[in-house]
């Protein structure tokens, strides 16, 4: 049985070419893993959903959502505001 999400990535791409794969059935866990990869400046090579490569708009949407969650979290922490204020002031969902 295929896992719902598979994410191929390279940690420290400037020093390493080994591709690793993260598997999960949970879409929230996949999004959180993408957030960690973005924070680590990892190279995200490919995302598969139910064995099919996610590309184009869907790929960009997954990464945009992860990046917005990171930005929202940083703004909440740095400015000491709640998620409602972040959404009102900056347009990022909680």
Protein backbone atom coordinates (compact mmCIF):
# COMPACT_ATOMS: atom_id res chain seq x y z
CA UNK A 1 0.00 0.00 0.00
CA UNK A 2 1.30 3.45 -0.94
CA UNK A 3 1.72 6.12 1.68
CA UNK A 4 -0.35 9.20 1.03
CA UNK A 5 2.63 11.60 0.82
CA UNK A 6 6.30 11.11 -0.09
CA UNK A 7 8.70 14.05 -0.03
CA UNK A 8 12.15 13.75 -1.63
CA UNK A 9 14.69 16.21 -0.30
CA UNK A 10 18.40 16.93 0.14
CA UNK A 11 19.69 18.32 3.44
CA UNK A 12 22.62 20.75 3.06
CA UNK A 13 22.51 20.63 -0.75
CA UNK A 14 25.71 22.68 -1.03
CA UNK A 15 27.62 19.81 0.68
CA UNK A 16 25.51 16.76 -0.03
CA UNK A 17 23.75 15.14 -2.98
CA UNK A 18 22.10 12.23 -1.16
CA UNK A 19 18.35 12.26 -1.64
CA UNK A 20 16.25 11.23 1.35
CA UNK A 21 12.52 10.53 1.38
CA UNK A 22 10.00 11.28 4.11
CA UNK A 23 6.78 9.24 4.08
CA UNK A 24 3.54 10.10 5.86
CA UNK A 25 -0.18 9.45 5.56
CA UNK A 26 -1.07 12.66 7.41
CA UNK A 27 -1.43 15.83 5.30
CA UNK A 28 -0.76 18.03 8.35
CA UNK A 29 2.44 16.12 9.10
CA UNK A 30 3.49 16.53 5.46
CA UNK A 31 2.93 20.28 5.66
CA UNK A 32 4.86 20.50 8.94
CA UNK A 33 7.72 18.53 7.41
CA UNK A 34 7.79 20.94 4.45
CA UNK A 35 8.00 23.79 6.96
CA UNK A 36 11.04 22.18 8.57
CA UNK A 37 12.67 21.68 5.18
CA UNK A 38 12.12 25.34 4.30
CA UNK A 39 13.59 26.47 7.62
CA UNK A 40 16.61 24.23 7.05
CA UNK A 41 17.10 25.57 3.49
CA UNK A 42 16.91 22.00 2.21
CA UNK A 43 16.45 21.27 -1.49
CA UNK A 44 12.92 19.91 -2.02
CA UNK A 45 13.21 17.72 -5.08
CA UNK A 46 9.78 16.15 -5.39
CA UNK A 47 6.46 15.66 -3.61
CA UNK A 48 4.26 12.68 -4.40
CA UNK A 49 0.64 12.25 -3.37
CA UNK A 50 -0.78 8.74 -3.63
CA UNK A 51 2.20 7.83 -5.84
CA UNK A 52 1.62 10.66 -8.32
CA UNK A 53 4.15 13.48 -8.63
CA UNK A 54 2.73 16.80 -7.47
CA UNK A 55 3.81 19.54 -9.86
CA UNK A 56 3.04 23.04 -10.97
CA UNK A 57 0.30 24.86 -9.11
CA UNK A 58 -0.27 22.10 -6.51
CA UNK A 59 3.45 21.91 -5.67
CA UNK A 60 3.63 25.69 -5.33
CA UNK A 61 0.47 25.78 -3.21
CA UNK A 62 1.88 23.23 -0.74
CA UNK A 63 5.10 25.22 -0.37
CA UNK A 64 3.28 28.55 -0.15
CA UNK A 65 1.08 27.24 2.65
CA UNK A 66 4.13 25.98 4.55
CA UNK A 67 5.94 29.32 4.05
CA UNK A 68 2.88 31.30 5.19
CA UNK A 69 2.64 29.20 8.35
CA UNK A 70 6.30 29.90 9.08
CA UNK A 71 5.82 33.63 8.49
CA UNK A 72 2.70 33.68 10.65
CA UNK A 73 4.50 31.93 13.49
CA UNK A 74 7.49 34.29 13.28
CA UNK A 75 5.24 37.36 13.27
CA UNK A 76 3.24 36.11 16.27
CA UNK A 77 6.43 35.49 18.21
CA UNK A 78 8.36 38.59 17.16
CA UNK A 79 5.51 41.06 17.56
CA UNK A 80 3.78 39.36 20.47
CA UNK A 81 0.42 39.32 18.70
CA UNK A 82 -2.21 36.64 18.29
CA UNK A 83 -3.14 34.83 15.09
CA UNK A 84 -6.20 37.04 14.52
CA UNK A 85 -3.98 40.14 14.45
CA UNK A 86 -1.51 38.42 12.12
CA UNK A 87 -4.34 37.64 9.71
CA UNK A 88 -5.78 41.17 9.94
CA UNK A 89 -2.45 42.96 9.59
CA UNK A 90 -0.53 40.70 7.22
CA UNK A 91 -3.11 38.38 5.63
CA UNK A 92 -1.47 35.17 6.85
CA UNK A 93 -3.75 32.51 8.26
CA UNK A 94 -2.93 31.11 11.69
